[in-house]
Protein backbone atom coordinates (compact mmCIF):
# COMPACT_ATOMS: atom_id res chain seq x y z
CA MET A 1 93.73 79.70 112.39
CA LYS A 2 90.67 80.40 110.36
CA LEU A 3 88.41 82.83 112.16
CA THR A 4 84.63 83.81 111.43
CA THR A 5 82.50 86.63 112.03
CA GLU A 6 78.72 87.22 111.32
CA ARG A 7 79.65 88.35 107.81
CA LEU A 8 82.94 87.30 107.17
CA ALA A 9 85.40 84.40 106.89
CA LEU A 10 89.18 85.39 108.08
CA LEU A 11 91.26 82.91 106.03
CA PRO A 12 95.10 82.15 107.05
CA PRO A 13 97.61 82.33 104.06
CA ALA A 14 97.26 78.53 103.32
CA ALA A 15 93.47 78.96 102.57
CA VAL A 16 93.43 81.75 100.06
CA SER A 17 94.77 81.67 96.64
CA ALA A 18 97.50 83.68 95.13
CA ALA A 19 95.25 84.80 92.36
CA ALA A 20 92.74 86.24 94.66
CA VAL A 21 95.39 88.20 97.00
CA ALA A 22 96.95 89.61 93.53
CA ASP A 23 93.59 90.69 92.52
CA PHE A 24 92.85 92.47 95.81
CA THR A 25 96.24 94.03 95.70
CA ARG A 26 95.77 95.30 92.11
CA ARG A 27 92.18 96.69 92.56
CA ASN A 28 93.33 98.56 95.53
CA ALA A 29 96.61 99.90 94.43
CA VAL A 30 95.61 103.51 94.33
CA HIS A 31 93.49 103.38 97.30
CA PHE A 32 96.28 102.04 99.48
CA ALA A 33 98.98 104.19 98.04
CA PRO A 34 98.63 106.99 100.64
CA TRP A 35 98.73 104.85 103.42
CA ASP A 36 101.31 102.05 102.61
CA PRO A 37 105.14 101.90 102.46
CA PRO A 38 106.64 101.31 99.00
CA ARG A 39 106.11 97.81 97.88
CA PRO A 40 107.71 95.74 95.26
CA ALA A 41 106.40 96.14 91.64
CA ALA A 42 105.79 92.54 91.69
CA VAL A 43 103.21 92.67 94.75
CA GLU A 44 100.23 92.95 92.26
CA THR A 45 101.21 89.58 90.57
CA GLU A 46 99.90 85.99 91.25
CA ALA A 47 103.58 84.68 91.07
CA TYR A 48 104.65 86.94 93.93
CA TRP A 49 101.67 85.73 96.07
CA ALA A 50 102.44 82.26 95.19
CA GLU A 51 105.80 82.70 96.75
CA LYS A 52 104.71 84.86 99.70
CA LEU A 53 101.65 82.97 101.14
CA PRO A 54 103.73 79.88 101.96
CA ALA A 55 106.09 81.78 103.63
CA GLN A 56 103.43 83.78 105.55
CA GLN A 57 101.87 80.65 106.43
CA ALA A 58 105.24 79.14 107.77
CA VAL A 59 105.59 82.28 109.98
CA GLN A 60 102.08 81.61 111.37
CA ASP A 61 102.76 77.92 111.83
CA ARG A 62 105.83 78.94 114.02
CA GLY A 63 103.59 81.36 116.01
CA GLU A 64 105.70 84.38 115.09
CA GLY A 65 102.86 86.12 113.37
CA TRP A 66 99.32 85.75 112.19
CA ARG A 67 97.84 86.97 108.84
CA TRP A 68 94.24 86.77 107.94
CA PHE A 69 92.48 87.53 104.46
CA LEU A 70 89.02 88.64 104.78
CA VAL A 71 86.25 87.15 102.35
CA ARG A 72 82.62 87.12 102.47
CA PRO A 73 81.42 83.52 102.75
CA GLU A 74 79.22 83.95 99.56
CA ALA A 75 82.25 85.09 97.42
CA PRO A 76 85.44 82.99 98.88
CA ASP A 77 87.53 83.65 96.05
CA ARG A 78 87.32 87.50 96.52
CA VAL A 79 89.51 88.95 99.01
CA ILE A 80 88.08 92.14 100.46
CA GLY A 81 90.71 92.69 103.21
CA LYS A 82 93.69 91.58 105.28
CA ALA A 83 94.89 91.89 108.67
CA GLU A 84 97.76 90.87 110.38
CA LEU A 85 99.58 90.39 113.90
CA SER A 86 103.35 91.17 113.09
CA SER A 87 106.47 91.78 115.25
CA ILE A 88 105.47 89.30 117.86
CA VAL A 89 107.71 89.75 121.01
CA ARG A 90 107.46 87.33 123.67
CA GLY A 91 109.15 87.01 127.03
CA PRO A 92 108.06 90.01 129.30
CA HIS A 93 106.79 91.76 126.45
CA HIS A 94 103.97 89.48 124.85
CA SER A 95 102.95 91.96 122.26
CA ALA A 96 102.41 92.40 118.58
CA ASN A 97 101.72 95.16 116.15
CA LEU A 98 98.30 95.15 114.49
CA GLY A 99 98.01 96.06 110.85
CA TYR A 100 95.02 96.03 108.33
CA ALA A 101 93.49 97.22 105.19
CA LEU A 102 90.23 96.98 103.63
CA ASP A 103 88.97 97.17 99.81
CA ALA A 104 87.91 100.68 98.84
CA GLN A 105 84.41 99.22 97.62
CA ALA A 106 83.99 97.51 101.20
CA GLN A 107 84.45 100.46 103.42
CA GLY A 108 81.88 102.16 105.41
CA GLN A 109 80.08 98.89 106.34
CA GLY A 110 81.71 98.30 109.68
CA LEU A 111 83.62 95.24 108.40
CA MET A 112 86.94 95.90 109.61
CA THR A 113 85.71 96.79 112.94
CA GLU A 114 83.82 93.21 112.74
CA ALA A 115 87.01 91.65 111.57
CA LEU A 116 89.31 93.12 114.01
CA THR A 117 87.12 92.64 117.09
CA THR A 118 87.43 88.82 116.37
CA ILE A 119 91.06 89.23 115.79
CA VAL A 120 91.72 91.05 119.22
CA ALA A 121 89.71 88.35 120.98
CA ALA A 122 92.05 85.74 119.36
CA ALA A 123 95.35 87.59 120.04
CA PHE A 124 94.14 87.94 123.59
CA GLY A 125 92.68 84.40 123.93
CA PRO A 126 94.72 81.24 125.04
CA GLY A 127 95.81 80.43 121.48
CA ILE A 128 97.88 83.48 120.88
CA ALA A 129 97.89 84.85 124.42
CA LEU A 130 99.14 88.41 123.99
CA HIS A 131 99.34 91.16 126.48
CA ARG A 132 99.36 94.16 124.41
CA LEU A 133 98.54 95.14 120.86
CA GLN A 134 100.04 98.42 119.13
CA ALA A 135 98.87 99.87 115.88
CA GLY A 136 99.80 103.06 114.08
CA TYR A 137 97.94 105.19 111.72
CA ARG A 138 98.63 108.42 109.64
CA PRO A 139 96.65 111.34 111.56
CA GLU A 140 95.02 112.16 108.04
CA ASN A 141 93.53 108.64 108.01
CA GLN A 142 90.67 109.43 110.35
CA ARG A 143 88.57 106.40 109.33
CA SER A 144 91.47 104.18 110.45
CA GLY A 145 91.69 106.11 113.67
CA ARG A 146 87.82 105.65 114.29
CA VAL A 147 88.13 101.85 113.65
CA LEU A 148 90.85 101.65 116.41
CA ASP A 149 88.89 103.88 118.78
CA ARG A 150 85.88 101.66 118.56
CA LEU A 151 88.19 98.80 119.51
CA GLY A 152 89.16 100.60 122.76
CA PHE A 153 92.70 101.32 121.72
CA ARG A 154 94.36 104.19 123.57
CA GLU A 155 96.67 106.87 122.33
CA ILE A 156 100.44 106.47 122.89
CA GLY A 157 101.52 109.54 121.26
CA LEU A 158 102.63 110.95 117.86
CA ALA A 159 105.66 109.29 116.13
CA ARG A 160 107.23 111.83 114.11
CA ASP A 161 108.64 110.65 110.50
CA TYR A 162 107.63 107.02 111.43
CA LEU A 163 107.30 105.42 108.18
CA PHE A 164 108.36 106.25 104.70
CA ILE A 165 105.05 106.45 102.69
CA ASP A 166 103.94 108.02 99.56
CA GLY A 167 107.45 109.76 98.79
CA ALA A 168 108.02 111.11 102.26
CA TRP A 169 108.50 110.35 105.90
CA ARG A 170 105.00 110.43 107.51
CA ASP A 171 103.87 111.01 111.05
CA HIS A 172 101.88 108.29 112.58
CA ARG A 173 99.63 108.16 115.72
CA LEU A 174 100.49 105.24 117.83
CA VAL A 175 97.79 103.38 119.89
CA GLU A 176 97.68 100.54 122.09
CA LEU A 177 95.33 97.92 123.68
CA ILE A 178 96.13 96.04 126.76
CA ASN A 179 94.90 92.60 127.52
CA PRO A 180 93.30 93.05 131.06
CA GLN A 181 92.72 89.19 131.38
CA TRP A 182 96.30 88.35 130.44
CA THR A 183 97.68 85.56 132.64
CA ALA A 184 101.52 84.41 132.78
CA PRO A 185 102.42 81.22 130.95
CA VAL A 186 102.81 78.03 132.95
CA GLY A 187 106.44 77.88 134.31
CA TRP A 188 107.15 81.62 134.67
CA GLY A 189 108.36 82.48 137.97
CA ALA A 190 106.95 84.69 140.64
């Protein structure tokens, strides 16, 4: 599922190169360190992504999760961000977790809000058909909180010691967005 916005192309794992993702990861290692859980040392290598991208595409092909890599159409080999819908739960829940990251040099331009607006529309549309999205962010990451506010996410509450990040267990603000247009799948009972 490739998505586009006014200024971005959102590429699925099969449409992006391992070299481009490794470069994105390397360029932003220090920038992401305060916000990301510990990662394997190999995450900055092309070999790591050459193995992971096909696995991520297989997850997407099965409808168990979606990941997009953000590029500008004029520079399709330079990844500047990523976003994903993970932990997909169907049945009576129909929900997913939303995660995202943007290149340090691309911040402050509204690019992540633009990308996530399109991703939320896809998540709530007929192709993915989710009822609820949840996201979490460290309270210190006010920029991330503002992006979620602009998208209409509402606070659930504070999750104490939620994730191990930057050497310690860190609190996270949990937020949610409900799909007001959701309809039950064909074949569901009354």
